[in-house]
Amino acid sequence: MSRAASEPIPFLAASAEEAVTQIRARLGPEAVVLQVRPIKASGLARFWQKPMIEVLACLPEPPPPPPPVPVPTPAPTPTFGLTEALASFRQELDEIKQHVDLSNSGWRVAPLLQRTGLLPLYAKQIIDTLKSQHGEDPPPALPGEIALARTHLARAWRPTPPCEPNSIHILIGPSGAGKTVALSKWLTHAALVEGRLARVWRLDGVTANTAESLEVYCDVLGVPSERSWTGGVNAISEDIAFIDLPGVDWRSPAAIQELSAQLPQYAGARLHLVLNGAYDTSVLLNQARAFSALPIDDLIITHLDEEPNWGKIWNLILGAGHAIRFLSSGQNVPGDFCEAAAEKILARQFPRSLP
């Protein structure tokens, strides 16, 4: 016998997982979600309390009995499953966390930080720190505020250790990040500028590695290139070596897990996540979170010639806790490829011509 349809029931929870547990415990696995609504704390509490979610769910309606004669029936109210609902409200929660009103902060550098790419949440953290260290009243002129903000950001910079001799470096990342181009630039710099002996492995993952241009660069530089992994990390005779793996669908936990299962055979290698700096900040943070289960050493940010707001890079440092090793611009090899430094980002974020 079909279960009778239930009235919609609201469930209040602090997380997606808690909402799913409540719904399935009360309504069972057949439950459908009608609505997901984020609930923000009011007043000052919104700065420290996590936003809650209200999920409206019910049991599905039993199929209606066949009518005696064909008659038009209204379309059913659209519903969506738990998985789709939770995916949609996770993005809403991220946006709520990022939305902070800085219009009354009293510091003119606050909106400037946002215009140069910093998320409101991290801009507020900087302003709060400046107020605690220098008082509620800002310096009399905007350049003084910018100088204090630059100093604070520079202190938040995470340095990367130098590349040891005989080290192997694995470049991973989502498709479209410019991973193979970044590897080719790094390889060119190591071989031509630093005069280091190098070796490259272009390896397959779950999908085939079709980056044949990498082998062309290796031929031009006289660098050995291999298509299968036969050695160990401690067995290379070259000064530096690189492993290129295919791009991964960062939205697929299964794809990330398959990449994770491949990495132990390269134990001791340094793992570098390559991200496209021209992507929207929310995408960059979600990509960084997707790969966070892997032992990432640092990031390489590419496509910066397509992004005027270099301040967005600080979101990956302040929000995701990553260090940045290289900054890359353009598709040409060797092209613009340099070691990342706080001052290089700050110089683009706050040019001297800024009023």
Protein backbone atom coordinates (compact mmCIF):
# COMPACT_ATOMS: atom_id res chain seq x y z
CA MET A 1 0.00 0.00 0.00
CA SER A 2 1.34 3.44 -0.87
CA ARG A 3 2.20 5.75 2.00
CA ALA A 4 -0.08 8.78 2.26
CA ALA A 5 1.50 12.11 1.40
CA SER A 6 2.59 14.11 4.42
CA GLU A 7 2.19 17.80 5.06
CA PRO A 8 5.40 19.78 4.50
CA ILE A 9 7.56 19.75 7.62
CA PRO A 10 10.23 22.37 8.37
CA PHE A 11 13.60 21.16 9.63
CA LEU A 12 16.06 23.60 11.22
CA ALA A 13 19.72 22.54 11.05
CA ALA A 14 23.22 23.96 11.29
CA SER A 15 24.63 21.97 8.36
CA ALA A 16 23.65 19.95 5.32
CA GLU A 17 24.54 16.68 7.00
CA GLU A 18 22.43 17.50 10.06
CA ALA A 19 19.44 18.35 7.85
CA VAL A 20 19.72 15.07 5.95
CA THR A 21 19.90 13.11 9.23
CA GLN A 22 16.77 14.81 10.59
CA ILE A 23 14.78 14.37 7.39
CA ARG A 24 15.63 10.72 6.90
CA ALA A 25 15.02 9.89 10.57
CA ARG A 26 11.53 11.36 10.47
CA LEU A 27 10.39 10.82 6.87
CA GLY A 28 12.67 8.08 5.57
CA PRO A 29 14.74 7.90 2.39
CA GLU A 30 11.78 8.66 0.12
CA ALA A 31 11.50 12.24 1.37
CA VAL A 32 11.70 15.07 -1.11
CA VAL A 33 12.88 18.60 -0.48
CA LEU A 34 10.52 21.43 -1.37
CA GLN A 35 12.59 24.40 -0.27
CA VAL A 36 15.96 25.27 1.26
CA ARG A 37 16.22 28.64 2.96
CA PRO A 38 19.32 30.04 4.68
CA ILE A 39 18.62 31.83 7.98
CA LYS A 40 21.08 34.52 9.00
CA ALA A 41 21.63 35.59 12.59
CA SER A 42 20.44 39.10 13.32
CA GLY A 43 22.33 42.02 14.79
CA LEU A 44 25.95 41.67 15.81
CA ALA A 45 25.51 37.94 16.26
CA ARG A 46 25.80 37.53 12.48
CA PHE A 47 29.58 38.04 12.73
CA TRP A 48 30.22 35.00 14.93
CA GLN A 49 27.20 32.73 14.64
CA LYS A 50 27.06 30.28 11.79
CA PRO A 51 24.04 30.71 9.50
CA MET A 52 21.32 28.06 9.95
CA ILE A 53 19.23 26.50 7.22
CA GLU A 54 15.54 25.70 7.11
CA VAL A 55 14.65 22.76 4.89
CA LEU A 56 11.01 22.15 3.98
CA ALA A 57 10.46 18.45 3.20
CA CYS A 58 7.61 15.97 2.88
CA LEU A 59 6.83 12.47 1.69
CA PRO A 60 6.03 12.12 -2.00
CA GLU A 61 2.40 11.99 -3.00
CA PRO A 62 1.11 8.52 -3.95
CA PRO A 63 0.27 8.12 -7.64
CA PRO A 64 -3.33 9.22 -8.31
CA PRO A 65 -5.85 6.55 -9.40
CA PRO A 66 -6.47 6.46 -13.17
CA PRO A 67 -9.34 8.77 -14.13
CA PRO A 68 -12.41 7.22 -15.75
CA VAL A 69 -11.91 9.41 -18.80
CA PRO A 70 -8.78 11.24 -19.99
CA VAL A 71 -8.79 14.74 -18.56
CA PRO A 72 -6.01 17.36 -18.46
CA THR A 73 -4.15 17.35 -15.18
CA PRO A 74 -2.10 20.25 -13.80
CA ALA A 75 1.65 19.88 -13.79
CA PRO A 76 3.00 18.71 -10.41
CA THR A 77 4.82 21.19 -8.22
CA PRO A 78 8.54 20.81 -9.01
CA THR A 79 10.54 19.14 -6.25
CA PHE A 80 14.16 18.11 -6.12
CA GLY A 81 16.09 15.47 -4.29
CA LEU A 82 18.25 15.94 -1.23
CA THR A 83 21.53 15.82 -3.11
CA GLU A 84 20.58 18.60 -5.53
CA ALA A 85 19.05 20.71 -2.76
CA LEU A 86 22.07 20.49 -0.51
CA ALA A 87 24.43 21.33 -3.37
CA SER A 88 22.45 24.49 -4.10
CA PHE A 89 22.27 25.79 -0.55
CA ARG A 90 25.99 25.15 0.10
CA GLN A 91 26.67 27.84 -2.48
CA GLU A 92 24.13 30.14 -0.79
CA LEU A 93 25.81 29.64 2.56
CA ASP A 94 29.19 30.52 1.05
CA GLU A 95 27.72 33.75 -0.30
CA ILE A 96 26.20 34.60 3.10
CA LYS A 97 29.55 34.09 4.81
CA GLN A 98 31.21 36.35 2.27
CA HIS A 99 28.66 39.17 2.58
CA VAL A 100 29.74 41.69 5.17
CA ASP A 101 28.67 45.32 5.18
CA LEU A 102 31.72 47.59 5.37
CA SER A 103 29.96 50.82 4.45
CA ASN A 104 30.11 52.10 8.04
CA SER A 105 33.63 50.93 8.87
CA GLY A 106 35.00 54.48 8.74
CA TRP A 107 38.07 53.34 6.77
CA ARG A 108 38.23 54.35 3.11
CA VAL A 109 40.54 51.46 2.26
CA ALA A 110 37.74 48.96 3.05
CA PRO A 111 35.83 49.35 -0.26
CA LEU A 112 39.16 49.60 -2.07
CA LEU A 113 40.16 46.18 -0.75
CA GLN A 114 36.92 44.77 -2.13
CA ARG A 115 37.32 46.48 -5.50
CA THR A 116 40.78 44.96 -5.90
CA GLY A 117 39.38 41.44 -5.44
CA LEU A 118 39.32 40.72 -1.70
CA LEU A 119 36.12 39.13 -0.40
CA PRO A 120 34.17 41.26 2.10
CA LEU A 121 34.72 38.75 4.91
CA TYR A 122 38.53 38.99 4.64
CA ALA A 123 38.42 42.74 4.02
CA LYS A 124 36.55 43.09 7.32
CA GLN A 125 39.13 40.96 9.10
CA ILE A 126 41.85 43.32 7.88
CA ILE A 127 39.91 46.42 8.93
CA ASP A 128 39.19 44.92 12.38
CA THR A 129 42.90 44.17 12.82
CA LEU A 130 43.90 47.69 11.75
CA LYS A 131 41.39 49.20 14.17
CA SER A 132 42.65 47.05 17.04
CA GLN A 133 46.28 48.02 16.32
CA HIS A 134 45.90 51.66 15.29
CA GLY A 135 42.60 52.79 16.77
CA GLU A 136 39.11 53.35 15.39
CA ASP A 137 40.11 56.49 13.49
CA PRO A 138 42.03 55.90 10.25
CA PRO A 139 45.02 57.96 9.12
CA PRO A 140 44.03 61.38 7.70
CA ALA A 141 44.79 60.42 4.09
CA LEU A 142 43.96 57.32 2.03
CA PRO A 143 47.64 56.52 1.21
CA GLY A 144 48.23 56.08 4.94
CA GLU A 145 45.39 53.55 5.15
CA ILE A 146 46.72 51.71 2.09
CA ALA A 147 50.18 51.53 3.64
CA LEU A 148 48.76 49.93 6.79
CA ALA A 149 46.66 47.46 4.76
CA ARG A 150 49.69 46.52 2.64
CA THR A 151 51.74 45.86 5.76
CA HIS A 152 49.02 43.64 7.21
CA LEU A 153 48.65 41.64 3.99
CA ALA A 154 52.42 41.24 3.66
CA ARG A 155 52.52 39.72 7.15
CA ALA A 156 49.86 37.19 6.10
CA TRP A 157 52.03 35.97 3.21
CA ARG A 158 53.02 32.29 3.39
CA PRO A 159 56.55 31.65 2.06
CA THR A 160 57.34 28.51 0.08
CA PRO A 161 60.51 26.48 0.75
CA PRO A 162 63.18 26.37 -1.99
CA CYS A 163 63.27 23.41 -4.37
CA GLU A 164 65.76 20.85 -3.12
CA PRO A 165 68.23 19.16 -5.51
CA ASN A 166 66.98 15.93 -7.09
CA SER A 167 63.39 16.81 -6.32
CA ILE A 168 60.29 15.72 -8.23
CA HIS A 169 57.34 18.05 -8.69
CA ILE A 170 53.82 16.93 -9.59
CA LEU A 171 51.47 19.46 -11.16
CA ILE A 172 47.77 18.73 -10.74
CA GLY A 173 44.64 20.79 -11.24
CA PRO A 174 41.23 21.08 -12.84
CA SER A 175 40.88 21.03 -16.61
CA GLY A 176 41.44 24.46 -18.11
CA ALA A 177 43.79 25.67 -15.40
CA GLY A 178 46.81 25.84 -17.74
CA LYS A 179 48.70 23.12 -15.89
CA THR A 180 50.80 21.83 -18.79
CA VAL A 181 51.73 25.35 -19.92
CA ALA A 182 52.81 26.18 -16.37
CA LEU A 183 54.94 23.03 -16.24
CA SER A 184 56.52 23.92 -19.59
CA LYS A 185 57.36 27.42 -18.32
CA TRP A 186 58.85 26.08 -15.11
CA LEU A 187 60.83 23.48 -17.08
CA THR A 188 62.17 26.14 -19.46
CA HIS A 189 63.21 28.38 -16.56
CA ALA A 190 64.93 25.48 -14.75
CA ALA A 191 66.77 24.24 -17.86
CA LEU A 192 67.72 27.52 -19.53
CA VAL A 193 67.92 30.11 -16.77
CA GLU A 194 69.13 27.96 -13.89
CA GLY A 195 71.03 25.46 -16.06
CA ARG A 196 69.58 22.48 -14.22
CA LEU A 197 69.38 18.95 -15.63
CA ALA A 198 65.73 17.96 -15.84
CA ARG A 199 63.45 15.03 -16.67
CA VAL A 200 59.71 14.92 -17.38
CA TRP A 201 57.05 12.24 -17.06
CA ARG A 202 53.78 12.76 -18.96
CA LEU A 203 51.58 10.18 -17.26
CA ASP A 204 48.01 9.03 -17.67
CA GLY A 205 45.50 9.11 -14.85
CA VAL A 206 41.95 7.83 -15.00
CA THR A 207 41.85 9.62 -18.34
CA ALA A 208 44.61 9.74 -20.93
CA ASN A 209 47.15 12.57 -20.82
CA THR A 210 46.86 14.17 -24.26
CA ALA A 211 49.26 17.09 -23.63
CA GLU A 212 51.58 16.21 -26.50
CA SER A 213 52.89 19.78 -26.65
CA LEU A 214 54.86 19.01 -23.50
CA GLU A 215 56.99 16.50 -25.39
CA VAL A 216 57.65 19.12 -28.07
CA TYR A 217 59.09 21.48 -25.43
CA CYS A 218 61.15 18.63 -24.01
CA ASP A 219 62.61 17.90 -27.45
CA VAL A 220 63.47 21.57 -27.97
CA LEU A 221 65.22 21.75 -24.59
CA GLY A 222 66.87 18.33 -24.91
CA VAL A 223 65.09 17.11 -21.77
CA PRO A 224 64.22 13.39 -21.49
CA SER A 225 60.48 12.75 -21.54
CA GLU A 226 58.83 9.49 -20.54
CA ARG A 227 55.29 8.12 -20.76
CA SER A 228 55.44 5.53 -17.98
CA TRP A 229 56.61 5.68 -14.37
CA THR A 230 59.39 3.18 -13.71
CA GLY A 231 61.54 4.74 -11.03
CA GLY A 232 61.28 6.01 -7.50
CA VAL A 233 61.48 9.55 -6.23
CA ASN A 234 64.86 8.97 -4.68
CA ALA A 235 66.32 7.31 -7.78
CA ILE A 236 66.52 10.23 -10.23
CA SER A 237 69.93 11.51 -11.23
CA GLU A 238 68.69 14.88 -12.58
CA ASP A 239 68.62 18.11 -10.57
CA ILE A 240 64.86 18.45 -10.97
CA ALA A 241 62.04 16.37 -12.43
CA PHE A 242 58.37 16.98 -13.25
CA ILE A 243 55.30 14.78 -13.49
CA ASP A 244 52.36 15.99 -15.56
CA LEU A 245 48.98 14.37 -14.78
CA PRO A 246 45.68 14.91 -16.64
CA GLY A 247 43.24 17.54 -15.42
CA VAL A 248 40.65 16.37 -12.91
CA ASP A 249 36.95 17.15 -12.67
CA TRP A 250 37.01 19.02 -9.36
CA ARG A 251 33.23 18.69 -8.98
CA SER A 252 33.52 14.89 -8.79
CA PRO A 253 34.59 13.47 -5.39
CA ALA A 254 35.20 10.14 -7.14
CA ALA A 255 37.69 11.76 -9.55
CA ILE A 256 39.54 13.42 -6.65
CA GLN A 257 39.61 10.07 -4.83
CA GLU A 258 41.03 8.30 -7.89
CA LEU A 259 43.78 10.93 -8.12
CA SER A 260 44.49 10.49 -4.40
CA ALA A 261 44.87 6.74 -4.91
CA GLN A 262 47.45 7.36 -7.67
CA LEU A 263 49.71 9.68 -5.66
CA PRO A 264 51.28 7.26 -3.08
CA GLN A 265 53.52 5.71 -5.75
CA TYR A 266 55.25 9.12 -6.00
CA ALA A 267 55.84 9.37 -2.24
CA GLY A 268 58.24 12.21 -1.45
CA ALA A 269 57.34 14.28 -4.53
CA ARG A 270 56.13 17.86 -4.08
CA LEU A 271 52.51 18.43 -5.08
CA HIS A 272 51.53 21.75 -6.72
CA LEU A 273 47.92 22.70 -7.42
CA VAL A 274 47.47 24.84 -10.55
CA LEU A 275 44.48 27.22 -10.60
CA ASN A 276 43.23 29.64 -13.25
CA GLY A 277 43.45 33.09 -11.64
CA ALA A 278 40.92 34.55 -14.09
CA TYR A 279 38.11 32.40 -12.68
CA ASP A 280 35.57 33.85 -10.27
CA THR A 281 36.72 33.87 -6.65
CA SER A 282 33.96 31.50 -5.53
CA VAL A 283 35.08 28.97 -8.16
CA LEU A 284 38.72 29.27 -7.09
CA LEU A 285 37.86 28.71 -3.42
CA ASN A 286 35.61 25.76 -4.25
CA GLN A 287 38.36 24.24 -6.40
CA ALA A 288 40.90 24.71 -3.59
CA ARG A 289 38.50 23.04 -1.16
CA ALA A 290 37.86 20.17 -3.59
CA PHE A 291 41.58 19.36 -3.72
CA SER A 292 42.17 20.01 0.00
CA ALA A 293 42.08 16.29 0.82
CA LEU A 294 45.37 15.92 -1.08
CA PRO A 295 48.79 16.85 0.40
CA ILE A 296 49.08 20.11 -1.55
CA ASP A 297 52.40 21.92 -0.96
CA ASP A 298 51.47 25.19 -2.67
CA LEU A 299 49.65 26.80 -5.58
CA ILE A 300 50.59 28.03 -9.05
CA ILE A 301 48.23 30.77 -10.29
CA THR A 302 47.88 31.08 -14.09
CA HIS A 303 46.06 33.29 -16.65
CA LEU A 304 46.79 36.42 -14.61
CA ASP A 305 47.04 38.43 -17.83
CA GLU A 306 43.25 37.99 -18.03
CA GLU A 307 42.62 39.17 -14.45
CA PRO A 308 43.04 42.85 -13.44
CA ASN A 309 42.19 42.31 -9.77
CA TRP A 310 45.18 40.49 -8.34
CA GLY A 311 43.88 41.14 -4.84
CA LYS A 312 41.68 38.07 -5.26
CA ILE A 313 44.83 35.93 -4.75
CA TRP A 314 44.73 36.88 -1.05
CA ASN A 315 41.45 34.99 -0.71
CA LEU A 316 43.34 31.74 -1.37
CA ILE A 317 45.91 32.67 1.28
CA LEU A 318 43.53 34.02 3.93
CA GLY A 319 40.59 31.73 3.17
CA ALA A 320 42.11 28.45 2.00
CA GLY A 321 45.43 28.77 3.86
CA HIS A 322 47.62 28.04 0.83
CA ALA A 323 51.06 29.34 -0.09
CA ILE A 324 51.62 30.60 -3.65
CA ARG A 325 54.79 29.46 -5.46
CA PHE A 326 54.49 30.92 -8.98
CA LEU A 327 52.48 33.55 -10.86
CA SER A 328 51.96 32.95 -14.58
CA SER A 329 50.59 35.08 -17.40
CA GLY A 330 49.89 34.22 -21.03
CA GLN A 331 50.03 31.02 -23.03
CA ASN A 332 53.47 31.51 -24.59
CA VAL A 333 56.47 29.54 -23.34
CA PRO A 334 58.52 30.71 -21.56
CA GLY A 335 56.30 33.82 -21.25
CA ASP A 336 55.68 35.57 -17.94
CA PHE A 337 56.45 33.15 -15.13
CA CYS A 338 57.88 34.31 -11.85
CA GLU A 339 58.18 33.32 -8.23
CA ALA A 340 55.26 34.66 -6.25
CA ALA A 341 55.90 37.31 -3.62
CA ALA A 342 53.66 39.51 -1.53
CA GLU A 343 55.14 42.69 -2.99
CA LYS A 344 54.44 41.59 -6.59
CA ILE A 345 50.77 41.13 -5.79
CA LEU A 346 50.51 44.30 -3.71
CA ALA A 347 52.16 46.36 -6.47
CA ARG A 348 49.41 45.27 -8.88
CA GLN A 349 46.69 45.58 -6.26
CA PHE A 350 47.67 49.11 -5.17
CA PRO A 351 49.43 50.86 -8.09
CA ARG A 352 51.15 54.13 -7.24
CA SER A 353 48.79 56.03 -9.53
CA LEU A 354 45.89 55.07 -7.29
CA PRO A 355 44.33 58.17 -5.66
